[in-house]
Amino acid sequence: MNKKLLWWIFGVTKGGVIRAKIVKLLHERPSNANQIARRLKMDYTTIRYHIDVLLKHGIVETSENTYIVMYFLTDNMLQHWDEFLEIYKKITGGEKR
């Protein structure tokens, strides 16, 4: 993962701000899609779409438990956390969440 990929996923593409907010929430605590949808006050289907994008690019991963799918940030994403925060501040105007 590099800064260009982070900019593409969060700063350039449509829906990047939503994906960035999902990542911020997952940094606070692992969650399932329903929990994320409730916390962001968004539709479950929309959240699932954005989670799939994050999964595809190695930003998030799932738990091994098949009963409830929980999402976590990957170690790779955590290694680039400072770069992500820099992008997050720029795309959200510095908002906390």
N, C-alpha and C. Protein backbone atom coordinates (compact mmCIF):
# COMPACT_ATOMS: atom_id res chain seq x y z
N MET A 1 0.85 -1.17 0.00
CA MET A 1 0.00 0.00 0.00
C MET A 1 0.90 1.23 0.00
N ASN A 2 0.50 2.21 -0.76
CA ASN A 2 1.28 3.45 -0.79
C ASN A 2 0.33 4.65 -0.73
N LYS A 3 0.92 5.81 -0.63
CA LYS A 3 0.13 7.03 -0.49
C LYS A 3 -0.76 7.28 -1.70
N LYS A 4 -0.31 6.91 -2.88
CA LYS A 4 -1.13 7.09 -4.08
C LYS A 4 -2.41 6.27 -4.00
N LEU A 5 -2.29 5.02 -3.53
CA LEU A 5 -3.47 4.18 -3.37
C LEU A 5 -4.42 4.78 -2.33
N LEU A 6 -3.88 5.25 -1.22
CA LEU A 6 -4.72 5.87 -0.20
C LEU A 6 -5.46 7.08 -0.75
N TRP A 7 -4.76 7.92 -1.52
CA TRP A 7 -5.42 9.08 -2.13
C TRP A 7 -6.51 8.64 -3.09
N TRP A 8 -6.24 7.60 -3.87
CA TRP A 8 -7.23 7.14 -4.83
C TRP A 8 -8.48 6.63 -4.12
N ILE A 9 -8.30 5.83 -3.08
CA ILE A 9 -9.44 5.22 -2.38
C ILE A 9 -10.23 6.25 -1.59
N PHE A 10 -9.54 7.21 -0.97
CA PHE A 10 -10.21 8.14 -0.07
C PHE A 10 -10.38 9.56 -0.62
N GLY A 11 -9.45 10.04 -1.40
CA GLY A 11 -9.46 11.44 -1.76
C GLY A 11 -9.93 11.77 -3.15
N VAL A 12 -9.93 10.79 -4.04
CA VAL A 12 -10.22 11.08 -5.44
C VAL A 12 -11.55 10.48 -5.89
N THR A 13 -11.80 9.25 -5.52
CA THR A 13 -12.99 8.55 -6.02
C THR A 13 -14.25 8.96 -5.29
N LYS A 14 -15.36 8.81 -6.00
CA LYS A 14 -16.65 9.08 -5.39
C LYS A 14 -16.85 8.12 -4.22
N GLY A 15 -17.27 8.60 -3.11
CA GLY A 15 -17.47 7.76 -1.93
C GLY A 15 -16.27 7.68 -1.03
N GLY A 16 -15.21 8.37 -1.38
CA GLY A 16 -13.99 8.31 -0.58
C GLY A 16 -14.17 8.78 0.85
N VAL A 17 -14.98 9.81 1.05
CA VAL A 17 -15.21 10.33 2.40
C VAL A 17 -15.94 9.29 3.24
N ILE A 18 -16.91 8.61 2.65
CA ILE A 18 -17.63 7.56 3.37
C ILE A 18 -16.66 6.44 3.77
N ARG A 19 -15.82 6.02 2.84
CA ARG A 19 -14.85 4.98 3.15
C ARG A 19 -13.89 5.43 4.25
N ALA A 20 -13.48 6.68 4.21
CA ALA A 20 -12.59 7.21 5.25
C ALA A 20 -13.28 7.19 6.61
N LYS A 21 -14.55 7.52 6.65
CA LYS A 21 -15.27 7.50 7.93
C LYS A 21 -15.41 6.07 8.46
N ILE A 22 -15.60 5.12 7.56
CA ILE A 22 -15.65 3.71 7.97
C ILE A 22 -14.32 3.31 8.59
N VAL A 23 -13.23 3.69 7.95
CA VAL A 23 -11.90 3.36 8.47
C VAL A 23 -11.68 3.98 9.84
N LYS A 24 -12.09 5.22 10.02
CA LYS A 24 -11.96 5.87 11.33
C LYS A 24 -12.73 5.11 12.39
N LEU A 25 -13.94 4.68 12.07
CA LEU A 25 -14.74 3.92 13.03
C LEU A 25 -14.07 2.59 13.38
N LEU A 26 -13.54 1.92 12.38
CA LEU A 26 -12.89 0.63 12.62
C LEU A 26 -11.60 0.79 13.41
N HIS A 27 -10.99 1.94 13.30
CA HIS A 27 -9.79 2.20 14.11
C HIS A 27 -10.17 2.31 15.59
N GLU A 28 -11.34 2.86 15.85
CA GLU A 28 -11.82 2.98 17.23
C GLU A 28 -12.15 1.62 17.81
N ARG A 29 -12.84 0.78 16.99
CA ARG A 29 -13.18 -0.58 17.42
C ARG A 29 -13.69 -1.39 16.25
N PRO A 30 -13.35 -2.67 16.21
CA PRO A 30 -13.89 -3.54 15.15
C PRO A 30 -15.41 -3.54 15.22
N SER A 31 -16.05 -3.65 14.07
CA SER A 31 -17.51 -3.58 14.01
C SER A 31 -18.02 -4.43 12.87
N ASN A 32 -19.31 -4.74 12.89
CA ASN A 32 -19.93 -5.39 11.74
C ASN A 32 -20.61 -4.31 10.90
N ALA A 33 -21.11 -4.69 9.75
CA ALA A 33 -21.68 -3.71 8.81
C ALA A 33 -22.91 -3.01 9.41
N ASN A 34 -23.72 -3.74 10.15
CA ASN A 34 -24.90 -3.11 10.77
C ASN A 34 -24.50 -2.03 11.77
N GLN A 35 -23.50 -2.31 12.58
CA GLN A 35 -23.03 -1.33 13.55
C GLN A 35 -22.48 -0.09 12.86
N ILE A 36 -21.72 -0.30 11.80
CA ILE A 36 -21.16 0.84 11.06
C ILE A 36 -22.29 1.66 10.45
N ALA A 37 -23.27 1.00 9.84
CA ALA A 37 -24.40 1.71 9.22
C ALA A 37 -25.15 2.55 10.26
N ARG A 38 -25.38 1.99 11.42
CA ARG A 38 -26.07 2.74 12.48
C ARG A 38 -25.25 3.93 12.94
N ARG A 39 -23.96 3.72 13.15
CA ARG A 39 -23.11 4.80 13.67
C ARG A 39 -22.96 5.94 12.66
N LEU A 40 -22.96 5.61 11.37
CA LEU A 40 -22.85 6.64 10.34
C LEU A 40 -24.20 7.14 9.84
N LYS A 41 -25.28 6.49 10.36
CA LYS A 41 -26.64 6.85 9.94
C LYS A 41 -26.79 6.73 8.43
N MET A 42 -26.35 5.57 7.92
CA MET A 42 -26.39 5.30 6.49
C MET A 42 -27.04 3.96 6.24
N ASP A 43 -27.41 3.73 5.00
CA ASP A 43 -28.03 2.49 4.58
C ASP A 43 -27.02 1.35 4.63
N TYR A 44 -27.47 0.18 5.09
CA TYR A 44 -26.62 -1.01 5.20
C TYR A 44 -26.00 -1.38 3.85
N THR A 45 -26.79 -1.34 2.79
CA THR A 45 -26.30 -1.72 1.46
C THR A 45 -25.16 -0.79 1.01
N THR A 46 -25.29 0.47 1.29
CA THR A 46 -24.24 1.44 0.94
C THR A 46 -22.96 1.13 1.71
N ILE A 47 -23.10 0.86 2.99
CA ILE A 47 -21.94 0.53 3.81
C ILE A 47 -21.27 -0.74 3.30
N ARG A 48 -22.06 -1.75 2.97
CA ARG A 48 -21.50 -3.01 2.46
C ARG A 48 -20.71 -2.77 1.16
N TYR A 49 -21.23 -1.93 0.29
CA TYR A 49 -20.52 -1.62 -0.95
C TYR A 49 -19.13 -1.05 -0.63
N HIS A 50 -19.09 -0.07 0.26
CA HIS A 50 -17.82 0.58 0.58
C HIS A 50 -16.87 -0.36 1.33
N ILE A 51 -17.41 -1.22 2.17
CA ILE A 51 -16.58 -2.21 2.84
C ILE A 51 -15.96 -3.16 1.81
N ASP A 52 -16.73 -3.55 0.81
CA ASP A 52 -16.19 -4.42 -0.24
C ASP A 52 -15.02 -3.76 -0.97
N VAL A 53 -15.12 -2.46 -1.21
CA VAL A 53 -14.00 -1.74 -1.84
C VAL A 53 -12.78 -1.78 -0.93
N LEU A 54 -13.01 -1.55 0.35
CA LEU A 54 -11.90 -1.57 1.32
C LEU A 54 -11.28 -2.96 1.45
N LEU A 55 -12.10 -3.98 1.41
CA LEU A 55 -11.60 -5.36 1.44
C LEU A 55 -10.73 -5.65 0.21
N LYS A 56 -11.24 -5.25 -0.95
CA LYS A 56 -10.55 -5.51 -2.21
C LYS A 56 -9.14 -4.91 -2.22
N HIS A 57 -8.97 -3.78 -1.57
CA HIS A 57 -7.69 -3.08 -1.60
C HIS A 57 -6.85 -3.30 -0.35
N GLY A 58 -7.25 -4.25 0.49
CA GLY A 58 -6.43 -4.60 1.64
C GLY A 58 -6.42 -3.59 2.76
N ILE A 59 -7.47 -2.79 2.84
CA ILE A 59 -7.57 -1.79 3.91
C ILE A 59 -8.20 -2.43 5.15
N VAL A 60 -9.21 -3.26 4.94
CA VAL A 60 -9.86 -3.97 6.04
C VAL A 60 -9.82 -5.47 5.78
N GLU A 61 -10.04 -6.23 6.85
CA GLU A 61 -10.13 -7.67 6.77
C GLU A 61 -11.27 -8.13 7.68
N THR A 62 -11.68 -9.38 7.52
CA THR A 62 -12.77 -9.91 8.31
C THR A 62 -12.25 -10.85 9.38
N SER A 63 -13.11 -11.09 10.35
CA SER A 63 -12.79 -12.06 11.39
C SER A 63 -12.96 -13.47 10.82
N GLU A 64 -12.44 -14.43 11.53
CA GLU A 64 -12.57 -15.82 11.11
C GLU A 64 -13.92 -16.40 11.51
N ASN A 65 -14.61 -15.76 12.41
CA ASN A 65 -15.91 -16.24 12.89
C ASN A 65 -16.94 -16.13 11.77
N THR A 66 -17.62 -17.21 11.45
CA THR A 66 -18.59 -17.17 10.36
C THR A 66 -19.98 -16.78 10.82
N TYR A 67 -20.23 -16.74 12.11
CA TYR A 67 -21.55 -16.38 12.63
C TYR A 67 -21.83 -14.89 12.43
N ILE A 68 -20.92 -14.06 12.86
CA ILE A 68 -21.04 -12.61 12.68
C ILE A 68 -19.74 -12.14 12.04
N VAL A 69 -19.84 -11.48 10.91
CA VAL A 69 -18.64 -10.98 10.24
C VAL A 69 -18.26 -9.63 10.84
N MET A 70 -17.10 -9.60 11.43
CA MET A 70 -16.57 -8.38 12.01
C MET A 70 -15.45 -7.87 11.10
N TYR A 71 -15.34 -6.57 11.01
CA TYR A 71 -14.31 -5.95 10.18
C TYR A 71 -13.26 -5.29 11.05
N PHE A 72 -12.02 -5.43 10.63
CA PHE A 72 -10.86 -4.88 11.32
C PHE A 72 -9.98 -4.19 10.29
N LEU A 73 -9.18 -3.24 10.73
CA LEU A 73 -8.17 -2.67 9.85
C LEU A 73 -7.02 -3.66 9.71
N THR A 74 -6.45 -3.75 8.53
CA THR A 74 -5.31 -4.63 8.33
C THR A 74 -4.06 -4.01 8.97
N ASP A 75 -3.10 -4.86 9.23
CA ASP A 75 -1.82 -4.36 9.76
C ASP A 75 -1.19 -3.37 8.79
N ASN A 76 -1.34 -3.62 7.51
CA ASN A 76 -0.80 -2.73 6.48
C ASN A 76 -1.43 -1.34 6.59
N MET A 77 -2.73 -1.30 6.80
CA MET A 77 -3.41 0.00 6.94
C MET A 77 -2.92 0.70 8.20
N LEU A 78 -2.77 -0.04 9.28
CA LEU A 78 -2.31 0.57 10.53
C LEU A 78 -0.89 1.13 10.38
N GLN A 79 -0.08 0.50 9.55
CA GLN A 79 1.27 1.01 9.31
C GLN A 79 1.25 2.34 8.56
N HIS A 80 0.16 2.61 7.85
CA HIS A 80 0.03 3.85 7.09
C HIS A 80 -0.98 4.80 7.72
N TRP A 81 -1.20 4.64 9.02
CA TRP A 81 -2.23 5.42 9.71
C TRP A 81 -1.97 6.92 9.64
N ASP A 82 -0.75 7.36 9.85
CA ASP A 82 -0.45 8.79 9.81
C ASP A 82 -0.73 9.39 8.44
N GLU A 83 -0.40 8.65 7.39
CA GLU A 83 -0.69 9.12 6.03
C GLU A 83 -2.20 9.20 5.81
N PHE A 84 -2.93 8.20 6.32
CA PHE A 84 -4.38 8.22 6.21
C PHE A 84 -4.95 9.44 6.92
N LEU A 85 -4.49 9.72 8.14
CA LEU A 85 -5.01 10.87 8.89
C LEU A 85 -4.77 12.19 8.15
N GLU A 86 -3.63 12.30 7.51
CA GLU A 86 -3.33 13.49 6.72
C GLU A 86 -4.37 13.66 5.60
N ILE A 87 -4.66 12.58 4.91
CA ILE A 87 -5.67 12.61 3.84
C ILE A 87 -7.05 12.88 4.42
N TYR A 88 -7.38 12.23 5.53
CA TYR A 88 -8.69 12.39 6.17
C TYR A 88 -8.95 13.86 6.51
N LYS A 89 -7.96 14.51 7.10
CA LYS A 89 -8.11 15.92 7.47
C LYS A 89 -8.38 16.79 6.24
N LYS A 90 -7.71 16.48 5.15
CA LYS A 90 -7.89 17.28 3.93
C LYS A 90 -9.26 17.06 3.29
N ILE A 91 -9.74 15.82 3.28
CA ILE A 91 -11.00 15.55 2.59
C ILE A 91 -12.23 15.87 3.43
N THR A 92 -12.06 15.96 4.76
CA THR A 92 -13.21 16.25 5.62
C THR A 92 -13.14 17.66 6.21
N GLY A 93 -12.12 18.39 5.89
CA GLY A 93 -11.98 19.74 6.45
C GLY A 93 -11.62 19.72 7.92
N GLY A 94 -11.03 18.61 8.36
CA GLY A 94 -10.57 18.52 9.74
C GLY A 94 -11.59 18.04 10.74
N GLU A 95 -12.75 17.55 10.27
CA GLU A 95 -13.75 17.08 11.23
C GLU A 95 -13.26 15.85 11.98
N LYS A 96 -13.75 15.67 13.18
CA LYS A 96 -13.30 14.55 14.03
C LYS A 96 -13.83 13.22 13.54
N ARG A 97 -15.06 13.19 13.06
CA ARG A 97 -15.64 11.93 12.58
C ARG A 97 -16.51 12.20 11.38
